[in-house]
């Protein structure tokens, strides 16, 4: 809102003409929000474009399956990386869990879920015994069905 300030050394006249001797000045305390909104919209667009590219998962070479059907729902995903032999760690989503605590952690993750199923993504170098050790821990945690995640076969063109 503009402020009215008297003009210094202005001749003052008697009566109602005193308003002419006032001048309107704008205060520097007012903030112009148009550049702020412009910058915020540019940042919003940048983050909207960059957010899908920031999704980073674990690097796992999935085995191929010819007759795999796509999933209709999103169950809990367990990943067995190639380093499983060394450190005995699996991942629930992006959280690393030691094999000895997997059953309790899966039980916690399944609380409140209608479907106690998980999807297992494992590296192709994981042995059958290591795979069965993980399955046993998952069954102890209350998992009913374990789905195996695979990648579609690479199309071979003649």
Foldseek 3Di string as FASTA:
>chain_A
DWDWDFDPPDDDDPDDPRVVRIDTDDDPPDDDCPVVVVVVVVVVVVCVVCVVVPDDDDDAAFAADADDDDDPDAFFEKEAEPCCVPQQWIDGGNRIDHLVCLLVVLLVVCPPPPALEYEYTYHPVDDPVSVVSSVVSSVSNPRDYYHYDGDHDDDDDD
